[in-house]
């Protein structure tokens, strides 16, 4: 353990604070990040004892903290994040199902990665185009509409749970809904509320 500590101190002594920060960033995120610059707010010839990062994958805010004795100094890390994007190979009409073969996959470095850009080809079967997607467009979730897994008029399995009691019965969906959505279902002449659990399955709500 003492040898490891000695090696760390040796490394810190012969690296600039900016190099130490960059090293820590690559240690945490590997090749999914590209550091462009480090802006350090600290005295020159700072002796660094510890480096901490306040960074998350895909977020534009990237901060590092350097500790020297009882002092803490801040650095702004200018970084780009690697993202896998899907680019349309053809025009896709509104309302059309999304298929993997309609897209090519590219890796790009970006300042920030919006959550609606994080898609997987395994998700495609859940969506249709909510608007016309032109050839060359980068696919985003905001361009898609989730396909209902329960449709109005479907016969569904309704599950009711209360404590240790669980009952199931058949009902008819009054509304269409995606996973997690609250819809109405009908059992004989009674209307109930339920949450869509899976294709053909609804949990009855109190």
C-alpha atoms as a PDB file:
ATOM      1  CA  UNK A   1       0.000   0.000   0.000  1.00  0.00           C
ATOM      2  CA  UNK A   2       2.861   2.404   0.889  1.00  0.00           C
ATOM      3  CA  UNK A   3       4.438   1.699  -2.508  1.00  0.00           C
ATOM      4  CA  UNK A   4       1.212   2.671  -4.301  1.00  0.00           C
ATOM      5  CA  UNK A   5       1.006   5.899  -2.292  1.00  0.00           C
ATOM      6  CA  UNK A   6       4.637   6.650  -3.118  1.00  0.00           C
ATOM      7  CA  UNK A   7       3.996   6.098  -6.832  1.00  0.00           C
ATOM      8  CA  UNK A   8       0.958   8.414  -6.735  1.00  0.00           C
ATOM      9  CA  UNK A   9       2.971  11.140  -5.011  1.00  0.00           C
ATOM     10  CA  UNK A  10       5.747  10.687  -7.565  1.00  0.00           C
ATOM     11  CA  UNK A  11       3.232  10.991 -10.416  1.00  0.00           C
ATOM     12  CA  UNK A  12       1.634  14.100  -8.913  1.00  0.00           C
ATOM     13  CA  UNK A  13       5.027  15.706  -8.384  1.00  0.00           C
ATOM     14  CA  UNK A  14       6.051  15.420 -12.049  1.00  0.00           C
ATOM     15  CA  UNK A  15       2.694  16.235 -13.710  1.00  0.00           C
ATOM     16  CA  UNK A  16       1.065  19.610 -14.125  1.00  0.00           C
ATOM     17  CA  UNK A  17      -2.342  20.107 -12.425  1.00  0.00           C
ATOM     18  CA  UNK A  18      -3.977  20.243 -15.860  1.00  0.00           C
ATOM     19  CA  UNK A  19      -2.391  16.925 -16.840  1.00  0.00           C
ATOM     20  CA  UNK A  20      -3.540  15.348 -13.577  1.00  0.00           C
ATOM     21  CA  UNK A  21      -7.120  16.453 -14.221  1.00  0.00           C
ATOM     22  CA  UNK A  22      -7.042  15.171 -17.786  1.00  0.00           C
ATOM     23  CA  UNK A  23      -5.656  11.847 -16.602  1.00  0.00           C
ATOM     24  CA  UNK A  24      -8.461  11.490 -14.045  1.00  0.00           C
ATOM     25  CA  UNK A  25     -11.093  12.273 -16.699  1.00  0.00           C
ATOM     26  CA  UNK A  26      -9.786   9.567 -19.043  1.00  0.00           C
ATOM     27  CA  UNK A  27      -9.439   7.139 -16.140  1.00  0.00           C
ATOM     28  CA  UNK A  28     -13.146   7.533 -15.358  1.00  0.00           C
ATOM     29  CA  UNK A  29     -14.682   7.821 -18.834  1.00  0.00           C
ATOM     30  CA  UNK A  30     -12.150   6.142 -21.130  1.00  0.00           C
ATOM     31  CA  UNK A  31     -12.546   6.792 -24.856  1.00  0.00           C
ATOM     32  CA  UNK A  32     -16.125   8.075 -24.458  1.00  0.00           C
ATOM     33  CA  UNK A  33     -14.727  11.546 -23.755  1.00  0.00           C
ATOM     34  CA  UNK A  34     -12.277  13.916 -25.462  1.00  0.00           C
ATOM     35  CA  UNK A  35     -10.735  16.643 -23.294  1.00  0.00           C
ATOM     36  CA  UNK A  36     -10.198  19.847 -25.269  1.00  0.00           C
ATOM     37  CA  UNK A  37      -8.882  22.103 -22.524  1.00  0.00           C
ATOM     38  CA  UNK A  38      -8.662  22.594 -18.752  1.00  0.00           C
ATOM     39  CA  UNK A  39      -9.040  26.057 -17.239  1.00  0.00           C
ATOM     40  CA  UNK A  40      -7.585  26.113 -13.744  1.00  0.00           C
ATOM     41  CA  UNK A  41      -8.278  28.755 -11.107  1.00  0.00           C
ATOM     42  CA  UNK A  42      -5.275  28.231  -8.848  1.00  0.00           C
ATOM     43  CA  UNK A  43      -1.786  29.555  -8.119  1.00  0.00           C
ATOM     44  CA  UNK A  44       1.111  28.484 -10.331  1.00  0.00           C
ATOM     45  CA  UNK A  45       3.331  25.611  -9.162  1.00  0.00           C
ATOM     46  CA  UNK A  46       0.439  24.179  -7.134  1.00  0.00           C
ATOM     47  CA  UNK A  47       1.273  20.974  -5.277  1.00  0.00           C
ATOM     48  CA  UNK A  48      -1.729  18.722  -5.792  1.00  0.00           C
ATOM     49  CA  UNK A  49      -2.615  16.068  -3.235  1.00  0.00           C
ATOM     50  CA  UNK A  50      -5.965  14.921  -4.622  1.00  0.00           C
ATOM     51  CA  UNK A  51      -8.207  15.378  -7.666  1.00  0.00           C
ATOM     52  CA  UNK A  52     -12.008  15.016  -7.618  1.00  0.00           C
ATOM     53  CA  UNK A  53     -14.318  15.242 -10.627  1.00  0.00           C
ATOM     54  CA  UNK A  54     -17.837  16.618 -10.808  1.00  0.00           C
ATOM     55  CA  UNK A  55     -18.726  15.277 -14.256  1.00  0.00           C
ATOM     56  CA  UNK A  56     -21.443  13.087 -15.776  1.00  0.00           C
ATOM     57  CA  UNK A  57     -21.462  11.436 -19.173  1.00  0.00           C
ATOM     58  CA  UNK A  58     -23.173  13.631 -21.756  1.00  0.00           C
ATOM     59  CA  UNK A  59     -23.527  16.697 -19.517  1.00  0.00           C
ATOM     60  CA  UNK A  60     -22.112  20.064 -20.553  1.00  0.00           C
ATOM     61  CA  UNK A  61     -21.075  20.994 -16.983  1.00  0.00           C
ATOM     62  CA  UNK A  62     -17.657  19.514 -16.238  1.00  0.00           C
ATOM     63  CA  UNK A  63     -15.751  20.605 -13.129  1.00  0.00           C
ATOM     64  CA  UNK A  64     -12.682  19.284 -11.322  1.00  0.00           C
ATOM     65  CA  UNK A  65     -11.478  20.109  -7.815  1.00  0.00           C
ATOM     66  CA  UNK A  66      -7.842  20.086  -6.743  1.00  0.00           C
ATOM     67  CA  UNK A  67      -6.863  19.737  -3.103  1.00  0.00           C
ATOM     68  CA  UNK A  68      -3.623  21.125  -1.729  1.00  0.00           C
ATOM     69  CA  UNK A  69      -3.299  21.098   2.037  1.00  0.00           C
ATOM     70  CA  UNK A  70      -6.461  22.689   3.415  1.00  0.00           C
ATOM     71  CA  UNK A  71      -7.196  24.537   0.161  1.00  0.00           C
ATOM     72  CA  UNK A  72      -9.521  23.491  -2.641  1.00  0.00           C
ATOM     73  CA  UNK A  73      -9.243  24.910  -6.154  1.00  0.00           C
ATOM     74  CA  UNK A  74     -11.640  24.608  -9.085  1.00  0.00           C
ATOM     75  CA  UNK A  75     -11.002  23.862 -12.741  1.00  0.00           C
ATOM     76  CA  UNK A  76     -13.383  23.968 -15.712  1.00  0.00           C
ATOM     77  CA  UNK A  77     -12.979  21.034 -18.078  1.00  0.00           C
ATOM     78  CA  UNK A  78     -13.938  21.635 -21.695  1.00  0.00           C
ATOM     79  CA  UNK A  79     -14.830  18.176 -22.987  1.00  0.00           C
ATOM     80  CA  UNK A  80     -16.657  16.474 -25.830  1.00  0.00           C
ATOM     81  CA  UNK A  81     -18.677  13.280 -25.358  1.00  0.00           C
ATOM     82  CA  UNK A  82     -18.868  10.375 -27.772  1.00  0.00           C
ATOM     83  CA  UNK A  83     -22.408   9.485 -28.837  1.00  0.00           C
ATOM     84  CA  UNK A  84     -23.879   6.879 -31.138  1.00  0.00           C
ATOM     85  CA  UNK A  85     -26.370   8.527 -33.485  1.00  0.00           C
ATOM     86  CA  UNK A  86     -28.782   7.126 -36.051  1.00  0.00           C
ATOM     87  CA  UNK A  87     -28.958   9.004 -39.372  1.00  0.00           C
ATOM     88  CA  UNK A  88     -31.882   8.467 -41.744  1.00  0.00           C
ATOM     89  CA  UNK A  89     -30.904   6.882 -45.076  1.00  0.00           C
ATOM     90  CA  UNK A  90     -34.261   7.734 -46.634  1.00  0.00           C
ATOM     91  CA  UNK A  91     -37.311   9.920 -46.140  1.00  0.00           C
ATOM     92  CA  UNK A  92     -39.604   8.342 -43.548  1.00  0.00           C
ATOM     93  CA  UNK A  93     -43.277   9.401 -43.756  1.00  0.00           C
ATOM     94  CA  UNK A  94     -45.225  10.441 -40.670  1.00  0.00           C
ATOM     95  CA  UNK A  95     -46.890   7.459 -38.980  1.00  0.00           C
ATOM     96  CA  UNK A  96     -44.449   4.901 -40.428  1.00  0.00           C
ATOM     97  CA  UNK A  97     -42.829   2.219 -38.245  1.00  0.00           C
ATOM     98  CA  UNK A  98     -39.126   2.772 -37.502  1.00  0.00           C
ATOM     99  CA  UNK A  99     -36.751   0.027 -38.721  1.00  0.00           C
ATOM    100  CA  UNK A 100     -32.979  -0.303 -38.116  1.00  0.00           C
ATOM    101  CA  UNK A 101     -32.237  -0.717 -41.834  1.00  0.00           C
ATOM    102  CA  UNK A 102     -33.575   2.791 -42.464  1.00  0.00           C
ATOM    103  CA  UNK A 103     -30.605   4.278 -40.595  1.00  0.00           C
ATOM    104  CA  UNK A 104     -26.831   4.262 -40.557  1.00  0.00           C
ATOM    105  CA  UNK A 105     -24.986   4.432 -37.250  1.00  0.00           C
ATOM    106  CA  UNK A 106     -22.224   6.961 -36.623  1.00  0.00           C
ATOM    107  CA  UNK A 107     -20.160   7.916 -33.600  1.00  0.00           C
ATOM    108  CA  UNK A 108     -19.816  11.647 -33.014  1.00  0.00           C
ATOM    109  CA  UNK A 109     -18.277  13.805 -30.327  1.00  0.00           C
ATOM    110  CA  UNK A 110     -20.626  16.443 -28.902  1.00  0.00           C
ATOM    111  CA  UNK A 111     -20.514  19.115 -26.224  1.00  0.00           C
ATOM    112  CA  UNK A 112     -23.670  17.689 -24.666  1.00  0.00           C
ATOM    113  CA  UNK A 113     -25.836  14.654 -25.404  1.00  0.00           C
ATOM    114  CA  UNK A 114     -29.580  15.344 -25.008  1.00  0.00           C
ATOM    115  CA  UNK A 115     -31.538  12.519 -23.412  1.00  0.00           C
ATOM    116  CA  UNK A 116     -33.795  12.183 -26.468  1.00  0.00           C
ATOM    117  CA  UNK A 117     -30.712  11.395 -28.577  1.00  0.00           C
ATOM    118  CA  UNK A 118     -29.945   8.280 -26.542  1.00  0.00           C
ATOM    119  CA  UNK A 119     -31.647   5.573 -28.547  1.00  0.00           C
ATOM    120  CA  UNK A 120     -31.020   1.905 -29.202  1.00  0.00           C
ATOM    121  CA  UNK A 121     -32.041  -0.029 -32.303  1.00  0.00           C
ATOM    122  CA  UNK A 122     -33.735  -2.497 -29.923  1.00  0.00           C
ATOM    123  CA  UNK A 123     -36.195   0.303 -29.060  1.00  0.00           C
ATOM    124  CA  UNK A 124     -37.265   0.909 -32.653  1.00  0.00           C
ATOM    125  CA  UNK A 125     -40.174  -1.536 -32.603  1.00  0.00           C
ATOM    126  CA  UNK A 126     -41.822   0.589 -29.900  1.00  0.00           C
ATOM    127  CA  UNK A 127     -42.061   3.686 -32.098  1.00  0.00           C
ATOM    128  CA  UNK A 128     -43.513   5.217 -35.228  1.00  0.00           C
ATOM    129  CA  UNK A 129     -42.537   8.543 -36.798  1.00  0.00           C
ATOM    130  CA  UNK A 130     -44.540  11.383 -35.252  1.00  0.00           C
ATOM    131  CA  UNK A 131     -43.541  13.647 -38.152  1.00  0.00           C
ATOM    132  CA  UNK A 132     -41.844  13.288 -41.514  1.00  0.00           C
ATOM    133  CA  UNK A 133     -38.181  12.388 -40.998  1.00  0.00           C
ATOM    134  CA  UNK A 134     -36.069  13.640 -43.895  1.00  0.00           C
ATOM    135  CA  UNK A 135     -33.075  11.769 -45.238  1.00  0.00           C
ATOM    136  CA  UNK A 136     -29.912  12.803 -43.366  1.00  0.00           C
ATOM    137  CA  UNK A 137     -31.770  13.689 -40.152  1.00  0.00           C
ATOM    138  CA  UNK A 138     -30.277  12.565 -36.840  1.00  0.00           C
ATOM    139  CA  UNK A 139     -32.946  10.520 -35.091  1.00  0.00           C
ATOM    140  CA  UNK A 140     -34.247  11.863 -31.784  1.00  0.00           C
ATOM    141  CA  UNK A 141     -36.969  10.580 -29.505  1.00  0.00           C
ATOM    142  CA  UNK A 142     -38.837  13.860 -30.028  1.00  0.00           C
ATOM    143  CA  UNK A 143     -39.408  12.803 -33.669  1.00  0.00           C
ATOM    144  CA  UNK A 144     -41.079   9.566 -32.571  1.00  0.00           C
ATOM    145  CA  UNK A 145     -44.336   8.468 -31.031  1.00  0.00           C
ATOM    146  CA  UNK A 146     -44.594   5.362 -28.897  1.00  0.00           C
ATOM    147  CA  UNK A 147     -46.829   2.622 -30.270  1.00  0.00           C
ATOM    148  CA  UNK A 148     -49.660   1.632 -27.886  1.00  0.00           C
ATOM    149  CA  UNK A 149     -49.196  -1.923 -26.591  1.00  0.00           C
ATOM    150  CA  UNK A 150     -52.874  -2.040 -25.593  1.00  0.00           C
ATOM    151  CA  UNK A 151     -55.441  -0.779 -28.075  1.00  0.00           C
ATOM    152  CA  UNK A 152     -59.047   0.217 -27.580  1.00  0.00           C
ATOM    153  CA  UNK A 153     -61.246  -2.873 -27.940  1.00  0.00           C
ATOM    154  CA  UNK A 154     -58.478  -5.345 -27.031  1.00  0.00           C
ATOM    155  CA  UNK A 155     -59.273  -8.178 -24.652  1.00  0.00           C
ATOM    156  CA  UNK A 156     -56.793  -7.836 -21.758  1.00  0.00           C
ATOM    157  CA  UNK A 157     -55.841  -9.659 -18.602  1.00  0.00           C
ATOM    158  CA  UNK A 158     -56.709  -7.394 -15.674  1.00  0.00           C
ATOM    159  CA  UNK A 159     -54.756  -7.966 -12.450  1.00  0.00           C
ATOM    160  CA  UNK A 160     -55.937  -6.683  -9.074  1.00  0.00           C
ATOM    161  CA  UNK A 161     -53.590  -6.715  -6.049  1.00  0.00           C
ATOM    162  CA  UNK A 162     -54.382  -5.878  -2.439  1.00  0.00           C
ATOM    163  CA  UNK A 163     -51.887  -6.987   0.183  1.00  0.00           C
ATOM    164  CA  UNK A 164     -51.335 -10.709  -0.261  1.00  0.00           C
ATOM    165  CA  UNK A 165     -54.452 -11.064  -2.422  1.00  0.00           C
ATOM    166  CA  UNK A 166     -54.079 -11.154  -6.200  1.00  0.00           C
ATOM    167  CA  UNK A 167     -56.968 -11.673  -8.602  1.00  0.00           C
ATOM    168  CA  UNK A 168     -57.001 -11.714 -12.389  1.00  0.00           C
ATOM    169  CA  UNK A 169     -59.877 -11.546 -14.843  1.00  0.00           C
ATOM    170  CA  UNK A 170     -60.548 -10.626 -18.448  1.00  0.00           C
ATOM    171  CA  UNK A 171     -61.683  -7.161 -19.442  1.00  0.00           C
ATOM    172  CA  UNK A 172     -61.953  -4.994 -22.556  1.00  0.00           C
ATOM    173  CA  UNK A 173     -59.750  -1.938 -23.043  1.00  0.00           C
ATOM    174  CA  UNK A 174     -61.787   1.242 -23.496  1.00  0.00           C
ATOM    175  CA  UNK A 175     -58.680   3.333 -24.284  1.00  0.00           C
ATOM    176  CA  UNK A 176     -55.367   2.700 -26.014  1.00  0.00           C
ATOM    177  CA  UNK A 177     -52.171   3.036 -24.010  1.00  0.00           C
ATOM    178  CA  UNK A 178     -48.414   2.624 -23.915  1.00  0.00           C
ATOM    179  CA  UNK A 179     -46.540   0.945 -21.044  1.00  0.00           C
ATOM    180  CA  UNK A 180     -47.207   2.767 -17.764  1.00  0.00           C
ATOM    181  CA  UNK A 181     -50.165   4.761 -19.053  1.00  0.00           C
ATOM    182  CA  UNK A 182     -53.462   4.861 -17.113  1.00  0.00           C
ATOM    183  CA  UNK A 183     -56.406   3.700 -19.216  1.00  0.00           C
ATOM    184  CA  UNK A 184     -60.030   2.685 -18.720  1.00  0.00           C
ATOM    185  CA  UNK A 185     -61.085  -0.939 -18.978  1.00  0.00           C
ATOM    186  CA  UNK A 186     -64.572  -2.451 -18.917  1.00  0.00           C
ATOM    187  CA  UNK A 187     -65.706  -5.596 -17.139  1.00  0.00           C
ATOM    188  CA  UNK A 188     -69.306  -6.360 -18.062  1.00  0.00           C
ATOM    189  CA  UNK A 189     -71.059  -3.037 -17.326  1.00  0.00           C
ATOM    190  CA  UNK A 190     -68.435  -1.658 -14.913  1.00  0.00           C
ATOM    191  CA  UNK A 191     -65.673   0.781 -15.914  1.00  0.00           C
ATOM    192  CA  UNK A 192     -62.354   0.478 -14.053  1.00  0.00           C
ATOM    193  CA  UNK A 193     -59.031   2.327 -14.193  1.00  0.00           C
ATOM    194  CA  UNK A 194     -55.816   0.451 -14.817  1.00  0.00           C
ATOM    195  CA  UNK A 195     -52.129   0.907 -15.591  1.00  0.00           C
ATOM    196  CA  UNK A 196     -50.736  -0.795 -18.689  1.00  0.00           C
ATOM    197  CA  UNK A 197     -48.079  -3.313 -17.599  1.00  0.00           C
ATOM    198  CA  UNK A 198     -47.322  -5.137 -20.838  1.00  0.00           C
ATOM    199  CA  UNK A 199     -48.950  -6.144 -24.082  1.00  0.00           C
ATOM    200  CA  UNK A 200     -52.428  -7.403 -23.160  1.00  0.00           C
ATOM    201  CA  UNK A 201     -51.937  -6.931 -19.406  1.00  0.00           C
ATOM    202  CA  UNK A 202     -53.324  -4.172 -17.136  1.00  0.00           C
ATOM    203  CA  UNK A 203     -53.067  -3.637 -13.385  1.00  0.00           C
ATOM    204  CA  UNK A 204     -56.365  -2.491 -11.857  1.00  0.00           C
ATOM    205  CA  UNK A 205     -56.060   0.642  -9.735  1.00  0.00           C
ATOM    206  CA  UNK A 206     -58.084   1.365  -6.573  1.00  0.00           C
END
